[in-house]
Amino acid sequence: MDTDALIEQLPGATEALRALARRGTVRPYTKGRLLIEEGEVGDTLFIILAGRLRAFAGGDNGREITFGSYGPGEYVGEMSLDGGPRSASVEALARSVCAVVTRRTLEAFIAERPDFAFELIGKLIRRARAATLSARQMALNDVYGRLRLLLESTAQVQPDGSRKSSEVPSHLQTAHRIGCSREMVSRLLKDLERGGYLERLTDGSVRLLQALPHRW
């Protein structure tokens, strides 16, 4: 594993983030591995060098809600740097590699590079806004409305004018993201397919053939 190459090639990463990653301990994680457990006390930041991670929370009824999935050039774990308990769990969606940075290392880095503190604050603000938007969508939309917003937000225009989802989550992962059952997701997608609004491709992705109705 060429750690230097992974760090240099991080998409969208600033020079400061690359410099911080070089000070971390590089660790591999197998698919399904739990890196962070909700409620535990921790003071480490995980900078993703390869693979993909999912942040989520679970309820007493066994249901889960996904807060987001993150890839190379992003990081997770920053919410616990105040010394409080972890606010969410994080697992590896695929084989992943992370640079693990302790709070002490981060503090020393910020003392040398105070500009990174503003970068970190900006990240926290963007994630707080995303959490607010997600909570608003969960409160003000029914299940179909949340599914429509997810499909439309991840769709990219194709040469033929249709739109294809840029992500390929399973029905279970989709259910975790919009707060419903896997059966409900399957039923809604089948209904939309029968109605000629979308088609499901062999790679598991979804192609939107026309504008999705606001209500179903």
C-alpha atoms as a PDB file:
ATOM      1  CA  MET A   1       0.000   0.000   0.000  1.00  0.00           C
ATOM      2  CA  ASP A   2       1.594   3.263  -1.180  1.00  0.00           C
ATOM      3  CA  THR A   3       0.412   5.649   1.517  1.00  0.00           C
ATOM      4  CA  ASP A   4       2.138   8.680   0.020  1.00  0.00           C
ATOM      5  CA  ALA A   5       0.411   8.098  -3.323  1.00  0.00           C
ATOM      6  CA  LEU A   6      -2.997   7.740  -1.659  1.00  0.00           C
ATOM      7  CA  ILE A   7      -2.532  11.033   0.174  1.00  0.00           C
ATOM      8  CA  GLU A   8      -1.249  12.902  -2.873  1.00  0.00           C
ATOM      9  CA  GLN A   9      -4.173  11.710  -4.994  1.00  0.00           C
ATOM     10  CA  LEU A  10      -6.943  12.562  -2.517  1.00  0.00           C
ATOM     11  CA  PRO A  11      -9.722  14.175  -4.586  1.00  0.00           C
ATOM     12  CA  GLY A  12     -10.716  17.665  -3.454  1.00  0.00           C
ATOM     13  CA  ALA A  13      -8.357  17.632  -0.460  1.00  0.00           C
ATOM     14  CA  THR A  14      -6.581  20.826   0.479  1.00  0.00           C
ATOM     15  CA  GLU A  15      -2.837  20.921   1.006  1.00  0.00           C
ATOM     16  CA  ALA A  16      -3.464  21.345   4.735  1.00  0.00           C
ATOM     17  CA  LEU A  17      -5.601  18.185   4.915  1.00  0.00           C
ATOM     18  CA  ARG A  18      -2.914  16.204   3.069  1.00  0.00           C
ATOM     19  CA  ALA A  19      -0.298  17.482   5.514  1.00  0.00           C
ATOM     20  CA  LEU A  20      -2.472  16.429   8.464  1.00  0.00           C
ATOM     21  CA  ALA A  21      -3.053  12.990   6.938  1.00  0.00           C
ATOM     22  CA  ARG A  22       0.708  12.450   6.759  1.00  0.00           C
ATOM     23  CA  ARG A  23       0.864  12.861  10.551  1.00  0.00           C
ATOM     24  CA  GLY A  24      -1.798  10.220  11.161  1.00  0.00           C
ATOM     25  CA  THR A  25      -1.493   6.480  11.602  1.00  0.00           C
ATOM     26  CA  VAL A  26      -2.599   4.719   8.421  1.00  0.00           C
ATOM     27  CA  ARG A  27      -4.909   1.759   9.058  1.00  0.00           C
ATOM     28  CA  PRO A  28      -6.901  -0.552   6.729  1.00  0.00           C
ATOM     29  CA  TYR A  29     -10.487  -1.580   7.520  1.00  0.00           C
ATOM     30  CA  THR A  30     -12.422  -4.496   6.064  1.00  0.00           C
ATOM     31  CA  LYS A  31     -15.956  -4.083   4.690  1.00  0.00           C
ATOM     32  CA  GLY A  32     -18.467  -4.006   7.543  1.00  0.00           C
ATOM     33  CA  ARG A  33     -15.878  -3.024  10.157  1.00  0.00           C
ATOM     34  CA  LEU A  34     -17.184  -0.604  12.809  1.00  0.00           C
ATOM     35  CA  LEU A  35     -14.721   2.273  13.201  1.00  0.00           C
ATOM     36  CA  ILE A  36     -16.797   4.372  15.590  1.00  0.00           C
ATOM     37  CA  GLU A  37     -19.602   3.303  17.912  1.00  0.00           C
ATOM     38  CA  GLU A  38     -22.326   5.738  18.902  1.00  0.00           C
ATOM     39  CA  GLY A  39     -22.076   6.794  22.557  1.00  0.00           C
ATOM     40  CA  GLU A  40     -18.443   5.836  23.088  1.00  0.00           C
ATOM     41  CA  VAL A  41     -15.875   8.431  24.096  1.00  0.00           C
ATOM     42  CA  GLY A  42     -13.217   9.021  21.471  1.00  0.00           C
ATOM     43  CA  ASP A  43     -10.850  11.740  20.327  1.00  0.00           C
ATOM     44  CA  THR A  44      -9.698  10.561  16.912  1.00  0.00           C
ATOM     45  CA  LEU A  45     -10.331  11.902  13.434  1.00  0.00           C
ATOM     46  CA  PHE A  46     -10.484   9.497  10.475  1.00  0.00           C
ATOM     47  CA  ILE A  47      -9.273  10.916   7.146  1.00  0.00           C
ATOM     48  CA  ILE A  48     -10.435   8.613   4.350  1.00  0.00           C
ATOM     49  CA  LEU A  49      -7.667   7.689   1.912  1.00  0.00           C
ATOM     50  CA  ALA A  50      -9.526   4.900   0.074  1.00  0.00           C
ATOM     51  CA  GLY A  51     -12.911   3.143   0.248  1.00  0.00           C
ATOM     52  CA  ARG A  52     -16.170   4.488   1.663  1.00  0.00           C
ATOM     53  CA  LEU A  53     -17.611   4.966   5.160  1.00  0.00           C
ATOM     54  CA  ARG A  54     -21.186   5.363   6.390  1.00  0.00           C
ATOM     55  CA  ALA A  55     -22.271   7.404   9.427  1.00  0.00           C
ATOM     56  CA  PHE A  56     -25.486   6.175  11.037  1.00  0.00           C
ATOM     57  CA  ALA A  57     -27.493   5.861  14.239  1.00  0.00           C
ATOM     58  CA  GLY A  58     -29.737   3.033  15.423  1.00  0.00           C
ATOM     59  CA  GLY A  59     -32.879   2.882  17.523  1.00  0.00           C
ATOM     60  CA  ASP A  60     -34.140   0.411  20.122  1.00  0.00           C
ATOM     61  CA  ASN A  61     -36.484  -1.077  17.480  1.00  0.00           C
ATOM     62  CA  GLY A  62     -33.563  -2.151  15.294  1.00  0.00           C
ATOM     63  CA  ARG A  63     -34.178   0.572  12.709  1.00  0.00           C
ATOM     64  CA  GLU A  64     -31.309   2.734  11.465  1.00  0.00           C
ATOM     65  CA  ILE A  65     -30.958   6.157   9.901  1.00  0.00           C
ATOM     66  CA  THR A  66     -28.001   7.015   7.683  1.00  0.00           C
ATOM     67  CA  PHE A  67     -26.577  10.521   8.052  1.00  0.00           C
ATOM     68  CA  GLY A  68     -24.246  10.250   5.073  1.00  0.00           C
ATOM     69  CA  SER A  69     -21.624   8.246   3.251  1.00  0.00           C
ATOM     70  CA  TYR A  70     -18.129   9.581   2.683  1.00  0.00           C
ATOM     71  CA  GLY A  71     -15.236   8.765   0.380  1.00  0.00           C
ATOM     72  CA  PRO A  72     -11.576   9.656  -0.199  1.00  0.00           C
ATOM     73  CA  GLY A  73     -10.665  13.226   0.700  1.00  0.00           C
ATOM     74  CA  GLU A  74     -13.339  13.467   3.412  1.00  0.00           C
ATOM     75  CA  TYR A  75     -13.122  12.796   7.132  1.00  0.00           C
ATOM     76  CA  VAL A  76     -15.331  11.666  10.010  1.00  0.00           C
ATOM     77  CA  GLY A  77     -15.119  11.798  13.795  1.00  0.00           C
ATOM     78  CA  GLU A  78     -14.702  15.554  14.136  1.00  0.00           C
ATOM     79  CA  MET A  79     -17.859  15.897  16.276  1.00  0.00           C
ATOM     80  CA  SER A  80     -16.214  14.202  19.279  1.00  0.00           C
ATOM     81  CA  LEU A  81     -13.129  16.421  19.373  1.00  0.00           C
ATOM     82  CA  ASP A  82     -14.828  18.368  22.179  1.00  0.00           C
ATOM     83  CA  GLY A  83     -14.330  15.365  24.463  1.00  0.00           C
ATOM     84  CA  GLY A  84     -17.993  14.329  24.371  1.00  0.00           C
ATOM     85  CA  PRO A  85     -19.442  10.962  23.357  1.00  0.00           C
ATOM     86  CA  ARG A  86     -19.680   9.961  19.713  1.00  0.00           C
ATOM     87  CA  SER A  87     -22.953  11.192  18.170  1.00  0.00           C
ATOM     88  CA  ALA A  88     -23.102   8.456  15.501  1.00  0.00           C
ATOM     89  CA  SER A  89     -21.595   5.133  14.495  1.00  0.00           C
ATOM     90  CA  VAL A  90     -19.346   4.770  11.446  1.00  0.00           C
ATOM     91  CA  GLU A  91     -18.796   1.600   9.444  1.00  0.00           C
ATOM     92  CA  ALA A  92     -16.836   0.702   6.324  1.00  0.00           C
ATOM     93  CA  LEU A  93     -19.121   0.190   3.312  1.00  0.00           C
ATOM     94  CA  ALA A  94     -16.154  -1.261   1.404  1.00  0.00           C
ATOM     95  CA  ARG A  95     -12.553  -2.098   2.154  1.00  0.00           C
ATOM     96  CA  SER A  96     -11.151   1.235   3.294  1.00  0.00           C
ATOM     97  CA  VAL A  97      -7.932   2.913   4.361  1.00  0.00           C
ATOM     98  CA  CYS A  98      -7.842   5.841   6.786  1.00  0.00           C
ATOM     99  CA  ALA A  99      -5.248   8.108   8.350  1.00  0.00           C
ATOM    100  CA  VAL A 100      -6.189   8.156  12.041  1.00  0.00           C
ATOM    101  CA  VAL A 101      -5.331  11.443  13.762  1.00  0.00           C
ATOM    102  CA  THR A 102      -5.508  11.932  17.540  1.00  0.00           C
ATOM    103  CA  ARG A 103      -6.768  15.111  19.170  1.00  0.00           C
ATOM    104  CA  ARG A 104      -3.261  15.878  20.450  1.00  0.00           C
ATOM    105  CA  THR A 105      -1.860  15.623  16.917  1.00  0.00           C
ATOM    106  CA  LEU A 106      -4.660  17.821  15.581  1.00  0.00           C
ATOM    107  CA  GLU A 107      -4.095  20.469  18.269  1.00  0.00           C
ATOM    108  CA  ALA A 108      -0.381  20.590  17.473  1.00  0.00           C
ATOM    109  CA  PHE A 109      -1.160  20.849  13.763  1.00  0.00           C
ATOM    110  CA  ILE A 110      -3.632  23.716  14.255  1.00  0.00           C
ATOM    111  CA  ALA A 111      -1.053  25.564  16.402  1.00  0.00           C
ATOM    112  CA  GLU A 112       1.295  25.402  13.406  1.00  0.00           C
ATOM    113  CA  ARG A 113      -1.402  25.853  10.758  1.00  0.00           C
ATOM    114  CA  PRO A 114      -4.208  27.989  12.226  1.00  0.00           C
ATOM    115  CA  ASP A 115      -5.758  28.238   8.751  1.00  0.00           C
ATOM    116  CA  PHE A 116      -6.855  24.620   9.111  1.00  0.00           C
ATOM    117  CA  ALA A 117      -9.058  25.600  12.075  1.00  0.00           C
ATOM    118  CA  PHE A 118     -11.207  27.649   9.680  1.00  0.00           C
ATOM    119  CA  GLU A 119     -11.320  24.707   7.270  1.00  0.00           C
ATOM    120  CA  LEU A 120     -12.514  22.450  10.087  1.00  0.00           C
ATOM    121  CA  ILE A 121     -15.107  25.002  11.220  1.00  0.00           C
ATOM    122  CA  GLY A 122     -16.382  25.284   7.657  1.00  0.00           C
ATOM    123  CA  LYS A 123     -16.796  21.500   7.476  1.00  0.00           C
ATOM    124  CA  LEU A 124     -18.742  21.483  10.750  1.00  0.00           C
ATOM    125  CA  ILE A 125     -21.033  24.263   9.503  1.00  0.00           C
ATOM    126  CA  ARG A 126     -21.755  22.454   6.225  1.00  0.00           C
ATOM    127  CA  ARG A 127     -22.566  19.219   8.035  1.00  0.00           C
ATOM    128  CA  ALA A 128     -24.789  21.060  10.522  1.00  0.00           C
ATOM    129  CA  ARG A 129     -26.679  22.603   7.609  1.00  0.00           C
ATOM    130  CA  ALA A 130     -27.002  19.201   5.943  1.00  0.00           C
ATOM    131  CA  ALA A 131     -28.341  17.729   9.198  1.00  0.00           C
ATOM    132  CA  THR A 132     -30.873  20.564   9.475  1.00  0.00           C
ATOM    133  CA  LEU A 133     -32.021  20.009   5.888  1.00  0.00           C
ATOM    134  CA  SER A 134     -32.292  16.270   6.464  1.00  0.00           C
ATOM    135  CA  ALA A 135     -34.365  16.781   9.621  1.00  0.00           C
ATOM    136  CA  ARG A 136     -36.609  19.220   7.739  1.00  0.00           C
ATOM    137  CA  GLN A 137     -37.143  16.748   4.915  1.00  0.00           C
ATOM    138  CA  MET A 138     -37.900  13.933   7.358  1.00  0.00           C
ATOM    139  CA  ALA A 139     -40.437  16.076   9.215  1.00  0.00           C
ATOM    140  CA  LEU A 140     -42.181  17.720   6.263  1.00  0.00           C
ATOM    141  CA  ASN A 141     -42.222  14.910   3.674  1.00  0.00           C
ATOM    142  CA  ASP A 142     -43.817  11.495   3.600  1.00  0.00           C
ATOM    143  CA  VAL A 143     -41.785   8.421   2.637  1.00  0.00           C
ATOM    144  CA  TYR A 144     -42.377   8.920  -1.088  1.00  0.00           C
ATOM    145  CA  GLY A 145     -41.359  12.573  -0.849  1.00  0.00           C
ATOM    146  CA  ARG A 146     -38.082  11.636   0.835  1.00  0.00           C
ATOM    147  CA  LEU A 147     -37.388   8.954  -1.786  1.00  0.00           C
ATOM    148  CA  ARG A 148     -38.081  11.426  -4.608  1.00  0.00           C
ATOM    149  CA  LEU A 149     -35.685  13.969  -3.121  1.00  0.00           C
ATOM    150  CA  LEU A 150     -32.979  11.312  -2.747  1.00  0.00           C
ATOM    151  CA  LEU A 151     -33.351  10.074  -6.334  1.00  0.00           C
ATOM    152  CA  GLU A 152     -33.367  13.567  -7.788  1.00  0.00           C
ATOM    153  CA  SER A 153     -30.418  14.801  -5.706  1.00  0.00           C
ATOM    154  CA  THR A 154     -28.198  11.912  -6.826  1.00  0.00           C
ATOM    155  CA  ALA A 155     -29.245  11.919 -10.517  1.00  0.00           C
ATOM    156  CA  GLN A 156     -26.946  13.159 -13.274  1.00  0.00           C
ATOM    157  CA  VAL A 157     -27.997  14.038 -16.827  1.00  0.00           C
ATOM    158  CA  GLN A 158     -27.015  11.435 -19.440  1.00  0.00           C
ATOM    159  CA  PRO A 159     -26.297  11.989 -23.190  1.00  0.00           C
ATOM    160  CA  ASP A 160     -29.789  10.727 -24.090  1.00  0.00           C
ATOM    161  CA  GLY A 161     -31.439  13.305 -21.843  1.00  0.00           C
ATOM    162  CA  SER A 162     -32.406  10.869 -19.106  1.00  0.00           C
ATOM    163  CA  ARG A 163     -30.963  11.130 -15.622  1.00  0.00           C
ATOM    164  CA  LYS A 164     -29.086   8.346 -13.873  1.00  0.00           C
ATOM    165  CA  SER A 165     -28.510   8.074 -10.148  1.00  0.00           C
ATOM    166  CA  SER A 166     -24.874   8.786  -9.338  1.00  0.00           C
ATOM    167  CA  GLU A 167     -25.050   6.422  -6.377  1.00  0.00           C
ATOM    168  CA  VAL A 168     -26.098   2.767  -6.285  1.00  0.00           C
ATOM    169  CA  PRO A 169     -27.389   2.131  -2.753  1.00  0.00           C
ATOM    170  CA  SER A 170     -29.215  -1.107  -2.001  1.00  0.00           C
ATOM    171  CA  HIS A 171     -32.875  -0.989  -1.002  1.00  0.00           C
ATOM    172  CA  LEU A 172     -31.806  -1.462   2.621  1.00  0.00           C
ATOM    173  CA  GLN A 173     -29.283   1.390   2.438  1.00  0.00           C
ATOM    174  CA  THR A 174     -31.918   3.597   0.820  1.00  0.00           C
ATOM    175  CA  ALA A 175     -34.358   2.721   3.596  1.00  0.00           C
ATOM    176  CA  HIS A 176     -31.743   3.710   6.188  1.00  0.00           C
ATOM    177  CA  ARG A 177     -31.228   7.055   4.477  1.00  0.00           C
ATOM    178  CA  ILE A 178     -34.908   8.032   4.281  1.00  0.00           C
ATOM    179  CA  GLY A 179     -36.136   6.408   7.487  1.00  0.00           C
ATOM    180  CA  CYS A 180     -38.478   3.645   6.367  1.00  0.00           C
ATOM    181  CA  SER A 181     -38.538  -0.113   5.743  1.00  0.00           C
ATOM    182  CA  ARG A 182     -36.786  -1.895   2.883  1.00  0.00           C
ATOM    183  CA  GLU A 183     -40.162  -3.285   1.800  1.00  0.00           C
ATOM    184  CA  MET A 184     -41.556   0.221   1.427  1.00  0.00           C
ATOM    185  CA  VAL A 185     -38.611   1.266  -0.782  1.00  0.00           C
ATOM    186  CA  SER A 186     -39.042  -1.824  -2.983  1.00  0.00           C
ATOM    187  CA  ARG A 187     -42.777  -1.206  -3.385  1.00  0.00           C
ATOM    188  CA  LEU A 188     -42.374   2.466  -4.300  1.00  0.00           C
ATOM    189  CA  LEU A 189     -39.616   1.759  -6.848  1.00  0.00           C
ATOM    190  CA  LYS A 190     -41.732  -0.971  -8.461  1.00  0.00           C
ATOM    191  CA  ASP A 191     -44.729   1.362  -8.650  1.00  0.00           C
ATOM    192  CA  LEU A 192     -42.629   4.110 -10.270  1.00  0.00           C
ATOM    193  CA  GLU A 193     -41.174   1.585 -12.710  1.00  0.00           C
ATOM    194  CA  ARG A 194     -44.643   0.397 -13.722  1.00  0.00           C
ATOM    195  CA  GLY A 195     -45.695   4.005 -14.174  1.00  0.00           C
ATOM    196  CA  GLY A 196     -42.857   4.611 -16.647  1.00  0.00           C
ATOM    197  CA  TYR A 197     -41.034   7.104 -14.441  1.00  0.00           C
ATOM    198  CA  LEU A 198     -37.836   5.102 -14.009  1.00  0.00           C
ATOM    199  CA  GLU A 199     -36.048   1.907 -14.881  1.00  0.00           C
ATOM    200  CA  ARG A 200     -33.687  -0.120 -12.733  1.00  0.00           C
ATOM    201  CA  LEU A 201     -30.498  -1.123 -14.525  1.00  0.00           C
ATOM    202  CA  THR A 202     -28.508  -4.329 -14.181  1.00  0.00           C
ATOM    203  CA  ASP A 203     -25.812  -2.623 -12.081  1.00  0.00           C
ATOM    204  CA  GLY A 204     -28.444  -1.722  -9.494  1.00  0.00           C
ATOM    205  CA  SER A 205     -28.602   1.961 -10.444  1.00  0.00           C
ATOM    206  CA  VAL A 206     -31.762   3.840 -11.367  1.00  0.00           C
ATOM    207  CA  ARG A 207     -32.426   5.817 -14.557  1.00  0.00           C
ATOM    208  CA  LEU A 208     -35.089   8.530 -14.327  1.00  0.00           C
ATOM    209  CA  LEU A 209     -37.062   8.607 -17.580  1.00  0.00           C
ATOM    210  CA  GLN A 210     -39.224  11.612 -16.752  1.00  0.00           C
ATOM    211  CA  ALA A 211     -39.846  14.056 -13.940  1.00  0.00           C
ATOM    212  CA  LEU A 212     -41.042  12.277 -10.829  1.00  0.00           C
ATOM    213  CA  PRO A 213     -44.506  13.330  -9.588  1.00  0.00           C
ATOM    214  CA  HIS A 214     -44.572  15.463  -6.447  1.00  0.00           C
ATOM    215  CA  ARG A 215     -47.056  13.089  -4.842  1.00  0.00           C
ATOM    216  CA  TRP A 216     -47.643   9.354  -5.190  1.00  0.00           C
END
